[in-house]
Protein backbone atom coordinates (compact mmCIF):
# COMPACT_ATOMS: atom_id res chain seq x y z
CA MET A 1 -34.27 18.30 31.33
CA ILE A 2 -30.64 19.65 30.42
CA ARG A 3 -28.45 16.97 29.22
CA GLU A 4 -24.59 16.74 29.76
CA PRO A 5 -22.71 16.46 26.50
CA LEU A 6 -21.54 12.86 25.66
CA PRO A 7 -18.26 11.92 26.89
CA ARG A 8 -15.64 11.26 24.33
CA ASP A 9 -15.43 7.78 23.29
CA PRO A 10 -13.94 5.82 26.29
CA LEU A 11 -11.54 3.81 23.97
CA PHE A 12 -9.92 7.20 22.75
CA SER A 13 -9.57 8.42 26.45
CA ILE A 14 -7.95 5.22 27.04
CA PHE A 15 -5.48 5.62 24.19
CA ASP A 16 -4.80 9.25 25.37
CA ARG A 17 -3.76 8.26 28.76
CA LEU A 18 -1.54 5.62 27.63
CA GLU A 19 0.06 7.96 25.58
CA GLU A 20 0.73 10.39 28.02
CA ASN A 21 2.50 8.00 30.29
CA ASN A 22 6.12 7.55 28.99
CA GLU A 23 6.19 3.77 30.08
CA THR A 24 3.23 2.79 28.56
CA GLY A 25 3.40 5.37 25.43
CA TRP A 26 6.61 3.84 24.48
CA ALA A 27 4.93 0.32 24.40
CA TYR A 28 1.85 1.83 22.67
CA GLU A 29 4.03 3.62 19.88
CA ALA A 30 5.94 0.25 19.43
CA GLN A 31 2.98 -1.90 18.85
CA HIS A 32 1.19 0.78 16.59
CA GLN A 33 4.42 0.66 14.44
CA LYS A 34 4.20 -3.23 14.51
CA ASN A 35 0.71 -3.09 13.35
CA GLU A 36 1.47 -0.90 10.52
CA ILE A 37 4.23 -3.27 9.39
CA ALA A 38 1.80 -6.04 9.78
CA CYS A 39 -0.91 -4.45 7.47
CA VAL A 40 1.90 -3.93 4.80
CA ILE A 41 2.72 -7.43 4.88
CA VAL A 42 -1.05 -8.71 4.85
CA ASN A 43 -1.92 -6.39 2.07
CA PHE A 44 1.15 -7.51 0.01
CA ARG A 45 -0.01 -11.12 0.47
CA VAL A 46 -3.72 -10.56 -0.33
CA GLU A 47 -2.70 -8.67 -3.27
CA LYS A 48 -0.72 -11.61 -4.61
CA GLY A 49 -3.53 -13.93 -3.47
CA TRP A 50 -1.20 -15.95 -1.53
CA SER A 51 -1.35 -17.90 1.36
CA GLN A 52 0.68 -17.56 4.42
CA GLN A 53 2.59 -20.78 3.55
CA GLU A 54 3.02 -19.21 0.10
CA LEU A 55 4.52 -16.15 1.35
CA ALA A 56 6.76 -18.11 3.90
CA ASP A 57 8.19 -20.08 1.20
CA TYR A 58 8.80 -16.86 -0.97
CA LEU A 59 10.50 -14.99 2.20
CA GLY A 60 12.17 -18.05 3.12
CA VAL A 61 10.60 -18.39 6.78
CA SER A 62 8.18 -20.77 8.38
CA GLN A 63 4.42 -20.25 8.04
CA SER A 64 4.32 -19.60 11.97
CA MET A 65 6.58 -16.52 11.51
CA ILE A 66 4.37 -15.13 8.80
CA SER A 67 1.50 -15.53 11.31
CA LYS A 68 3.55 -13.64 13.96
CA TYR A 69 4.47 -10.84 11.56
CA GLU A 70 0.88 -10.35 10.42
CA SER A 71 -0.43 -10.18 14.02
CA GLY A 72 1.83 -7.65 15.00
CA ASP A 73 3.43 -10.04 17.29
CA TYR A 74 6.99 -9.80 16.04
CA ASN A 75 9.90 -7.36 17.11
CA PHE A 76 11.36 -6.80 13.71
CA SER A 77 15.14 -6.15 13.73
CA ILE A 78 16.53 -3.58 11.07
CA GLU A 79 17.86 -6.16 8.82
CA SER A 80 14.66 -8.46 9.05
CA LEU A 81 12.64 -5.55 8.13
CA ASN A 82 14.89 -4.53 5.30
CA ARG A 83 15.13 -8.18 4.09
CA ILE A 84 11.32 -8.26 4.06
CA SER A 85 10.82 -4.93 2.54
CA SER A 86 13.27 -5.66 -0.27
CA LYS A 87 11.50 -8.99 -1.17
CA ILE A 88 8.05 -7.34 -1.39
CA GLY A 89 9.64 -4.60 -3.58
CA LEU A 90 9.46 -1.97 -1.05
CA LYS A 91 12.11 0.45 1.00
CA THR A 92 12.45 0.72 4.68
CA GLU A 93 12.70 4.22 5.82
CA ILE A 94 13.19 4.67 9.76
CA ARG A 95 13.18 8.37 11.08
CA LEU A 96 13.77 9.34 14.62
CA VAL A 97 12.22 12.93 15.19
CA LYS A 98 12.06 14.73 18.44
CA PRO A 99 8.68 14.59 20.12
CA ASP A 100 8.42 18.26 20.69
CA ALA A 101 8.75 18.63 16.75
CA GLY A 102 5.28 17.41 16.55
CA THR A 103 5.91 13.57 15.91
CA SER A 104 7.55 10.81 17.60
CA SER A 105 9.85 8.27 16.00
CA GLU A 106 8.16 6.35 13.04
CA ILE A 107 8.82 3.58 10.59
CA ILE A 108 7.59 4.01 7.12
CA VAL A 109 7.61 1.20 4.55
CA ARG A 110 6.85 2.34 1.11
CA SER A 111 7.67 1.33 -2.40
CA ASP A 112 10.71 2.41 -4.22
CA VAL A 113 8.62 3.49 -7.01
């Protein structure tokens, strides 16, 4: 019996279709960027051994706001992103690149070091 090749992982196919559609592609890209920022914030907090409340006190926001940051459920303004980045010893860089150049807009948060 000849078997058909296994299809590509269905989850990746869904992501491919989302990215191809401009409307959902933008939403997908925005959520991806928020998730990347969330990972940076979570990693900082975990490395410090802090609770969400301790990080909230340090940043001057509520614990529920930290929860939103860390869940990727917060639309950061440039000002809030810069404030958070500087408080945790990082620098925010935002690049806007033409999609035909091989990449889309991206937000990079990295250390100043």
